[in-house]
Amino acid sequence: MKIIYNVTVSIDHDVQAEWLTWMKVDHIPAVLATGCFLEAKLSKILAEESGGLAYSIQYLCQDADTLEMYQEKHAPELQNIHHAKYLGKYAAFRTILRVEEVFKK
């Protein structure tokens, strides 16, 4: 059963434009290059956080085992790079969702 690995990030206004470019050009492609995800969606959350702007990055994974492998083998390094680059300028939390059913028009 497919899994969505959702990362919600609140980023400070003063680094938002740079962060967004970095996410699109470097970070998200690096996560996809691990081979653990089928696709990624970057969305702006349409409610302003106090002191920052919020985004959701949803990575679609084939199954829970593949996500577990990603979290063990790849996530620590990729998260450390993000943390070092934007230390004190962001807050993030992660949510794991199991896709129950997909409806299409």
C-alpha atoms as a PDB file:
ATOM      1  CA  MET A   1       0.000   0.000   0.000  1.00  0.00           C
ATOM      2  CA  LYS A   2       1.388   3.415  -0.968  1.00  0.00           C
ATOM      3  CA  ILE A   3       2.655   5.821   1.684  1.00  0.00           C
ATOM      4  CA  ILE A   4       2.862   9.615   1.678  1.00  0.00           C
ATOM      5  CA  TYR A   5       5.804  11.015   3.600  1.00  0.00           C
ATOM      6  CA  ASN A   6       4.743  14.582   4.355  1.00  0.00           C
ATOM      7  CA  VAL A   7       7.277  17.159   5.548  1.00  0.00           C
ATOM      8  CA  THR A   8       5.812  20.451   6.750  1.00  0.00           C
ATOM      9  CA  VAL A   9       8.283  23.323   6.997  1.00  0.00           C
ATOM     10  CA  SER A  10       7.799  26.832   8.363  1.00  0.00           C
ATOM     11  CA  ILE A  11      10.592  29.005   6.957  1.00  0.00           C
ATOM     12  CA  ASP A  12      11.533  32.550   7.982  1.00  0.00           C
ATOM     13  CA  HIS A  13      10.611  35.341   5.590  1.00  0.00           C
ATOM     14  CA  ASP A  14      14.227  36.525   5.215  1.00  0.00           C
ATOM     15  CA  VAL A  15      15.419  33.217   3.703  1.00  0.00           C
ATOM     16  CA  GLN A  16      12.186  32.020   2.101  1.00  0.00           C
ATOM     17  CA  ALA A  17      13.077  32.821  -1.538  1.00  0.00           C
ATOM     18  CA  GLU A  18      16.543  31.226  -1.248  1.00  0.00           C
ATOM     19  CA  TRP A  19      15.140  28.203   0.601  1.00  0.00           C
ATOM     20  CA  LEU A  20      12.415  27.664  -1.997  1.00  0.00           C
ATOM     21  CA  THR A  21      14.945  27.721  -4.841  1.00  0.00           C
ATOM     22  CA  TRP A  22      17.255  25.379  -2.926  1.00  0.00           C
ATOM     23  CA  MET A  23      14.385  22.976  -2.267  1.00  0.00           C
ATOM     24  CA  LYS A  24      13.390  22.898  -5.951  1.00  0.00           C
ATOM     25  CA  VAL A  25      16.904  22.695  -7.408  1.00  0.00           C
ATOM     26  CA  ASP A  26      18.830  20.694  -4.807  1.00  0.00           C
ATOM     27  CA  HIS A  27      16.965  19.106  -1.924  1.00  0.00           C
ATOM     28  CA  ILE A  28      13.852  17.582  -3.508  1.00  0.00           C
ATOM     29  CA  PRO A  29      15.844  16.228  -6.490  1.00  0.00           C
ATOM     30  CA  ALA A  30      18.335  14.708  -3.999  1.00  0.00           C
ATOM     31  CA  VAL A  31      15.508  13.006  -2.102  1.00  0.00           C
ATOM     32  CA  LEU A  32      14.049  11.651  -5.353  1.00  0.00           C
ATOM     33  CA  ALA A  33      17.519  10.494  -6.476  1.00  0.00           C
ATOM     34  CA  THR A  34      17.566   8.025  -3.567  1.00  0.00           C
ATOM     35  CA  GLY A  35      15.132   5.942  -5.629  1.00  0.00           C
ATOM     36  CA  CYS A  36      12.780   5.578  -2.669  1.00  0.00           C
ATOM     37  CA  PHE A  37       9.973   7.803  -3.941  1.00  0.00           C
ATOM     38  CA  LEU A  38       7.720   7.810  -6.996  1.00  0.00           C
ATOM     39  CA  GLU A  39       7.068  11.569  -7.010  1.00  0.00           C
ATOM     40  CA  ALA A  40       7.087  14.687  -4.876  1.00  0.00           C
ATOM     41  CA  LYS A  41       4.676  17.599  -4.555  1.00  0.00           C
ATOM     42  CA  LEU A  42       5.668  20.972  -3.119  1.00  0.00           C
ATOM     43  CA  SER A  43       2.746  23.049  -1.848  1.00  0.00           C
ATOM     44  CA  LYS A  44       2.494  26.385  -0.073  1.00  0.00           C
ATOM     45  CA  ILE A  45       0.195  26.247   2.924  1.00  0.00           C
ATOM     46  CA  LEU A  46      -2.266  29.097   2.550  1.00  0.00           C
ATOM     47  CA  ALA A  47      -2.130  30.234   6.158  1.00  0.00           C
ATOM     48  CA  GLU A  48       0.743  32.395   7.374  1.00  0.00           C
ATOM     49  CA  GLU A  49       2.657  31.100  10.357  1.00  0.00           C
ATOM     50  CA  SER A  50       3.890  33.516  12.985  1.00  0.00           C
ATOM     51  CA  GLY A  51       7.353  34.574  11.807  1.00  0.00           C
ATOM     52  CA  GLY A  52       7.429  32.453   8.663  1.00  0.00           C
ATOM     53  CA  LEU A  53       5.790  30.900   5.636  1.00  0.00           C
ATOM     54  CA  ALA A  54       4.721  27.262   5.632  1.00  0.00           C
ATOM     55  CA  TYR A  55       5.165  24.629   2.937  1.00  0.00           C
ATOM     56  CA  SER A  56       4.276  20.964   2.620  1.00  0.00           C
ATOM     57  CA  ILE A  57       6.439  18.565   0.655  1.00  0.00           C
ATOM     58  CA  GLN A  58       4.681  15.273  -0.010  1.00  0.00           C
ATOM     59  CA  TYR A  59       6.785  12.359  -1.199  1.00  0.00           C
ATOM     60  CA  LEU A  60       4.883   9.342  -2.552  1.00  0.00           C
ATOM     61  CA  CYS A  61       6.448   6.014  -1.632  1.00  0.00           C
ATOM     62  CA  GLN A  62       5.590   2.546  -2.957  1.00  0.00           C
ATOM     63  CA  ASP A  63       5.291   0.986   0.500  1.00  0.00           C
ATOM     64  CA  ALA A  64       6.198   1.228   4.182  1.00  0.00           C
ATOM     65  CA  ASP A  65       9.341  -0.923   3.806  1.00  0.00           C
ATOM     66  CA  THR A  66      10.759   1.454   1.211  1.00  0.00           C
ATOM     67  CA  LEU A  67      10.023   4.444   3.448  1.00  0.00           C
ATOM     68  CA  GLU A  68      11.734   2.702   6.360  1.00  0.00           C
ATOM     69  CA  MET A  69      14.797   2.100   4.181  1.00  0.00           C
ATOM     70  CA  TYR A  70      14.817   5.799   3.203  1.00  0.00           C
ATOM     71  CA  GLN A  71      14.573   6.869   6.841  1.00  0.00           C
ATOM     72  CA  GLU A  72      17.451   4.602   7.858  1.00  0.00           C
ATOM     73  CA  LYS A  73      19.837   5.066   4.914  1.00  0.00           C
ATOM     74  CA  HIS A  74      19.187   8.536   3.496  1.00  0.00           C
ATOM     75  CA  ALA A  75      17.084  10.788   5.725  1.00  0.00           C
ATOM     76  CA  PRO A  76      19.680  11.568   8.417  1.00  0.00           C
ATOM     77  CA  GLU A  77      22.215  12.980   5.948  1.00  0.00           C
ATOM     78  CA  LEU A  78      19.647  14.928   3.921  1.00  0.00           C
ATOM     79  CA  GLN A  79      18.042  16.341   7.069  1.00  0.00           C
ATOM     80  CA  ASN A  80      21.451  17.319   8.479  1.00  0.00           C
ATOM     81  CA  ILE A  81      22.263  19.273   5.311  1.00  0.00           C
ATOM     82  CA  HIS A  82      18.951  21.149   5.583  1.00  0.00           C
ATOM     83  CA  HIS A  83      19.484  21.763   9.292  1.00  0.00           C
ATOM     84  CA  ALA A  84      23.019  23.135   8.847  1.00  0.00           C
ATOM     85  CA  LYS A  85      21.993  25.380   5.949  1.00  0.00           C
ATOM     86  CA  TYR A  86      18.932  26.917   7.652  1.00  0.00           C
ATOM     87  CA  LEU A  87      19.773  26.613  11.361  1.00  0.00           C
ATOM     88  CA  GLY A  88      17.438  28.774  13.424  1.00  0.00           C
ATOM     89  CA  LYS A  89      15.443  29.806  10.353  1.00  0.00           C
ATOM     90  CA  TYR A  90      12.907  26.973  10.136  1.00  0.00           C
ATOM     91  CA  ALA A  91      10.745  24.516  12.015  1.00  0.00           C
ATOM     92  CA  ALA A  92       9.771  21.167  10.508  1.00  0.00           C
ATOM     93  CA  PHE A  93       7.666  18.165  11.338  1.00  0.00           C
ATOM     94  CA  ARG A  94       6.989  14.967   9.481  1.00  0.00           C
ATOM     95  CA  THR A  95       3.792  12.958   9.037  1.00  0.00           C
ATOM     96  CA  ILE A  96       3.412   9.509   7.515  1.00  0.00           C
ATOM     97  CA  LEU A  97       0.126   8.810   5.742  1.00  0.00           C
ATOM     98  CA  ARG A  98      -1.109   5.514   4.325  1.00  0.00           C
ATOM     99  CA  VAL A  99      -3.044   5.956   1.085  1.00  0.00           C
ATOM    100  CA  GLU A 100      -6.331   4.142   1.599  1.00  0.00           C
ATOM    101  CA  GLU A 101      -7.900   4.892  -1.763  1.00  0.00           C
ATOM    102  CA  VAL A 102      -7.387   7.223  -4.724  1.00  0.00           C
ATOM    103  CA  PHE A 103     -10.354   8.856  -6.430  1.00  0.00           C
ATOM    104  CA  LYS A 104     -10.085  10.436  -9.857  1.00  0.00           C
ATOM    105  CA  LYS A 105     -12.509  12.437 -11.880  1.00  0.00           C
END
